[in-house]
Protein backbone atom coordinates (compact mmCIF):
# COMPACT_ATOMS: atom_id res chain seq x y z
CA MET A 1 156.87 111.54 13.31
CA SER A 2 154.21 114.21 13.51
CA ASN A 3 153.48 114.32 9.63
CA ALA A 4 153.23 110.44 8.65
CA LEU A 5 150.14 108.82 8.01
CA ILE A 6 152.16 105.46 8.30
CA THR A 7 154.82 104.79 10.06
CA ILE A 8 156.78 101.51 8.87
CA TYR A 9 159.18 99.76 11.16
CA GLY A 10 161.04 96.77 10.45
CA ASP A 11 164.58 95.36 8.92
CA SER A 12 165.89 95.48 5.94
CA ILE A 13 162.43 93.75 4.35
CA THR A 14 160.34 96.85 4.71
CA LYS A 15 163.77 98.87 3.96
CA GLY A 16 163.84 97.41 0.88
CA VAL A 17 167.11 95.83 0.62
CA LEU A 18 168.57 93.65 -1.98
CA MET A 19 171.98 92.69 -3.38
CA GLU A 20 173.08 93.36 -6.61
CA GLY A 21 176.44 92.19 -7.93
CA GLY A 22 177.44 90.64 -3.93
CA ARG A 23 176.53 94.34 -2.85
CA TYR A 24 173.36 95.83 -0.66
CA LEU A 25 171.52 98.58 -2.25
CA ILE A 26 168.36 100.02 -1.28
CA ASN A 27 165.47 99.17 -3.93
CA SER A 28 163.69 102.64 -4.61
CA THR A 29 160.36 100.38 -6.27
CA GLY A 30 159.85 98.71 -2.77
CA ILE A 31 157.38 99.22 -0.30
CA SER A 32 157.99 103.39 0.18
CA ALA A 33 156.65 103.14 -3.10
CA LEU A 34 153.01 103.17 -1.64
CA ALA A 35 153.05 107.07 -0.54
CA GLN A 36 153.03 107.88 -4.40
CA GLN A 37 151.36 105.19 -5.06
CA PHE A 38 148.09 106.16 -2.90
CA SER A 39 149.53 109.68 -2.52
CA LEU A 40 149.93 109.27 1.47
CA MET A 41 152.52 110.50 3.84
CA ILE A 42 154.59 107.40 4.58
CA ARG A 43 157.35 107.45 6.99
CA ASN A 44 159.40 104.24 6.71
CA ARG A 45 162.02 103.55 10.11
CA SER A 46 163.29 100.23 9.19
CA LYS A 47 166.62 99.56 9.62
CA PHE A 48 169.29 96.68 8.53
CA GLY A 49 169.82 94.37 10.76
CA CYS A 50 166.76 95.39 13.49
CA THR A 51 165.28 92.79 15.62
CA ILE A 52 162.06 93.39 18.09
CA ASP A 53 164.10 95.01 21.07
CA LYS A 54 165.31 97.45 19.31
CA GLY A 55 162.68 98.08 16.76
CA LEU A 56 160.68 98.64 20.53
CA ALA A 57 163.01 101.00 21.72
CA ARG A 58 162.82 102.77 18.06
CA ILE A 59 159.24 103.12 18.55
CA ARG A 60 159.29 104.59 22.14
CA HIS A 61 161.40 107.18 21.09
CA ASP A 62 159.95 107.96 18.26
CA LEU A 63 155.92 107.98 20.11
CA GLU A 64 157.01 109.43 23.35
CA GLY A 65 158.38 112.71 21.13
CA THR A 66 155.53 113.30 19.19
CA GLU A 67 151.83 114.81 19.69
CA ALA A 68 150.27 113.24 16.69
CA PRO A 69 151.25 109.47 16.11
CA PRO A 70 151.01 108.07 12.90
CA ARG A 71 147.34 107.17 12.12
CA VAL A 72 149.14 103.52 11.31
CA THR A 73 151.93 101.78 12.48
CA VAL A 74 153.32 98.05 10.36
CA LEU A 75 155.14 96.09 12.07
CA GLU A 76 157.92 93.77 10.63
CA TYR A 77 159.94 91.50 13.01
CA GLY A 78 161.57 88.56 13.37
CA GLY A 79 163.93 87.49 10.32
CA ASN A 80 166.95 88.90 12.52
CA ASP A 81 165.53 87.37 15.93
CA SER A 82 165.08 84.19 14.57
CA ASP A 83 168.91 84.14 13.42
CA PHE A 84 171.83 82.56 15.35
CA ASP A 85 175.98 83.60 15.22
CA TRP A 86 176.76 81.38 12.84
CA SER A 87 180.68 81.23 13.68
CA LYS A 88 179.83 80.28 17.43
CA VAL A 89 177.60 77.44 15.60
CA ALA A 90 180.39 76.34 13.50
CA ALA A 91 182.96 76.55 16.77
CA GLU A 92 181.10 74.44 18.81
CA PRO A 93 178.42 71.87 16.69
CA ASP A 94 177.37 69.98 19.64
CA GLY A 95 177.04 73.05 21.68
CA GLU A 96 173.35 74.58 22.80
CA HIS A 97 172.80 77.67 20.62
CA GLN A 98 169.89 80.45 21.36
CA PRO A 99 168.72 83.13 18.24
CA LYS A 100 169.70 86.76 18.92
CA THR A 101 165.97 86.78 20.21
CA PRO A 102 164.68 83.55 21.70
CA LEU A 103 161.15 82.78 20.76
CA ASP A 104 158.99 83.54 24.28
CA ARG A 105 161.03 86.98 24.21
CA PHE A 106 160.14 87.58 20.97
CA GLN A 107 156.68 87.19 21.37
CA GLU A 108 156.57 89.29 24.82
CA LEU A 109 158.42 92.59 22.75
CA TYR A 110 156.65 91.83 20.03
CA LYS A 111 153.19 92.46 21.91
CA GLN A 112 154.65 95.16 24.30
CA ALA A 113 154.94 97.07 20.79
CA ILE A 114 151.52 96.48 20.16
CA ASP A 115 150.29 97.77 23.29
CA LEU A 116 152.62 100.70 23.17
CA VAL A 117 151.63 101.80 19.62
CA ARG A 118 147.57 101.61 20.70
CA SER A 119 148.14 103.42 23.76
CA HIS A 120 149.46 106.81 21.37
CA GLY A 121 146.37 106.39 19.83
CA SER A 122 147.92 104.43 16.25
CA GLU A 123 146.87 101.42 14.74
CA PRO A 124 148.76 98.49 14.72
CA VAL A 125 149.53 96.04 11.55
CA LEU A 126 152.00 93.32 11.36
CA MET A 127 153.36 91.80 8.55
CA SER A 128 154.36 87.98 8.00
CA LEU A 129 158.06 87.12 7.06
CA PRO A 130 158.99 86.57 3.28
CA PRO A 131 160.40 82.67 3.13
CA ILE A 132 163.80 82.22 3.29
CA CYS A 133 166.01 79.62 0.45
CA PRO A 134 168.04 77.57 2.95
CA GLY A 135 171.12 76.83 0.47
CA ARG A 136 171.44 79.63 -0.51
CA TYR A 137 171.49 80.85 3.11
CA LEU A 138 173.79 78.64 4.01
CA ASN A 139 176.11 79.46 1.43
CA TRP A 140 175.91 82.65 2.08
CA ILE A 141 176.92 82.06 5.97
CA CYS A 142 179.51 79.96 5.02
CA ARG A 143 180.95 82.36 2.01
CA GLU A 144 184.19 83.60 4.56
CA GLY A 145 185.14 79.67 5.79
CA LEU A 146 183.04 78.84 8.49
CA SER A 147 182.65 75.17 8.02
CA ARG A 148 179.43 74.33 6.25
CA GLU A 149 179.67 70.31 7.42
CA ARG A 150 179.73 71.73 11.22
CA ILE A 151 176.74 74.28 11.20
CA LEU A 152 174.83 70.99 8.95
CA HIS A 153 175.48 69.11 11.46
CA TRP A 154 174.09 71.11 14.90
CA LEU A 155 171.27 71.97 12.13
CA GLY A 156 170.50 68.07 11.01
CA GLU A 157 169.53 69.19 7.81
CA GLU A 158 169.64 72.28 5.91
CA ASN A 159 165.68 72.60 5.63
CA THR A 160 165.59 73.54 9.71
CA ILE A 161 167.10 77.13 8.56
CA TYR A 162 163.46 77.61 6.78
CA ARG A 163 161.71 76.04 9.48
CA TRP A 164 163.09 77.78 12.10
CA GLN A 165 162.54 80.81 10.38
CA GLU A 166 159.17 80.13 9.72
CA MET A 167 157.89 79.49 13.16
CA TYR A 168 159.02 83.06 13.83
CA SER A 169 156.26 84.12 10.96
CA GLN A 170 153.59 81.66 12.22
CA THR A 171 154.50 83.83 15.36
CA VAL A 172 153.59 86.57 14.37
CA CYS A 173 150.26 85.43 12.70
CA ALA A 174 149.27 84.33 15.62
CA ILE A 175 150.09 87.34 17.59
CA ALA A 176 148.11 89.36 15.28
CA GLU A 177 145.19 86.88 15.74
CA GLU A 178 145.44 86.94 19.54
CA THR A 179 145.73 90.92 19.73
CA GLY A 180 142.89 91.42 16.92
CA ALA A 181 145.81 93.71 14.87
CA ALA A 182 145.49 93.56 11.14
CA LEU A 183 147.88 91.36 9.50
CA ILE A 184 149.42 91.73 5.86
CA ASP A 185 150.14 88.54 4.75
CA VAL A 186 153.35 88.57 2.97
CA ARG A 187 154.45 84.99 3.21
CA SER A 188 151.32 83.12 2.16
CA ALA A 189 151.81 86.03 -1.06
CA PHE A 190 155.22 84.63 -1.26
CA LEU A 191 153.99 80.45 -0.83
CA LYS A 192 151.79 80.71 -3.85
CA ASN A 193 154.52 81.44 -6.35
CA ARG A 194 155.77 77.82 -7.13
CA ARG A 195 158.95 79.61 -8.07
CA ILE A 196 159.95 81.33 -4.73
CA ASP A 197 163.49 80.90 -5.46
CA GLY A 198 163.23 83.37 -8.37
CA LEU A 199 162.02 86.09 -5.57
CA ILE A 200 164.75 85.53 -3.41
CA CYS A 201 168.58 86.92 -3.73
CA ASP A 202 171.37 85.04 -4.19
CA ASP A 203 172.23 85.42 -0.18
CA GLY A 204 168.93 83.07 0.51
CA ILE A 205 167.04 86.32 2.83
CA HIS A 206 166.41 88.87 1.15
CA PRO A 207 163.45 89.06 -1.59
CA ASN A 208 165.34 90.45 -5.27
CA ALA A 209 163.25 93.21 -7.06
CA ARG A 210 160.55 90.48 -8.23
CA GLY A 211 160.32 89.65 -4.61
CA GLN A 212 159.85 93.41 -3.72
CA LYS A 213 157.51 93.85 -6.33
CA LEU A 214 155.32 91.12 -4.73
CA ILE A 215 155.58 92.66 -1.29
CA LEU A 216 154.40 96.05 -3.17
CA ASP A 217 151.74 94.29 -4.64
CA THR A 218 150.76 92.79 -0.81
CA CYS A 219 150.60 96.03 0.93
CA SER A 220 148.42 97.95 -1.84
CA GLY A 221 146.17 94.92 -1.53
CA PHE A 222 145.89 95.19 1.76
CA LEU A 223 145.83 99.55 1.81
CA ALA A 224 142.71 99.39 -1.47
CA SER A 225 140.74 96.37 1.09
CA ARG A 226 140.77 98.97 3.95
CA GLY A 227 139.76 101.60 1.46
CA TYR A 228 142.43 103.78 0.02
CA THR A 229 142.21 104.14 -3.58
CA PRO A 230 145.42 103.86 -5.48
CA GLN A 231 146.63 107.09 -7.94
CA PRO A 232 145.59 106.85 -11.53
CA ALA A 233 149.38 105.13 -13.14
């Protein structure tokens, strides 16, 4: 970790995961391509399925084990935190269900991560979440037999999934403003596109190759705005 100029902590979005032919793969042209594009030392510590509590433990482990922290630490969490145990929802569609990380705890742990990064002399940079396609995601949830009808009964409507995930992204933006942390606003870059469904995989939640390219371009623009110079193609 001591050689990393920029370290990225997040989930499958920053890991570069996409789905092709029903299988999850790592897209080599995703955000990690910034290293070659800007001739930077970048360590990607993102992990599939990671939530903020697991991410915070990962960050703490890395920072406490080095005397030379990265100059910049990118944080991207919220997608998995906002998700539910859909099998329990389908089993009890009239029950009360909590996401993997309730919103107040998500805020608390995210701020702890920012404080931890700063206490080690690294600059935290937050990333908002790309939007999801709720209909596709609901189909993905139900692909192995969960009752779509029962899940919809609990949700009220399928767009509730979109709005709930959006609330976590908005919370990240609010935390960035409150703490004075820089923000890479990936979500706005997606929302400017009139055909968002063309940027998302069939599972409804992972950006496809075009979506990953948009994330890469958004991060490239952020780095350029901070004085980093891309290398000639």
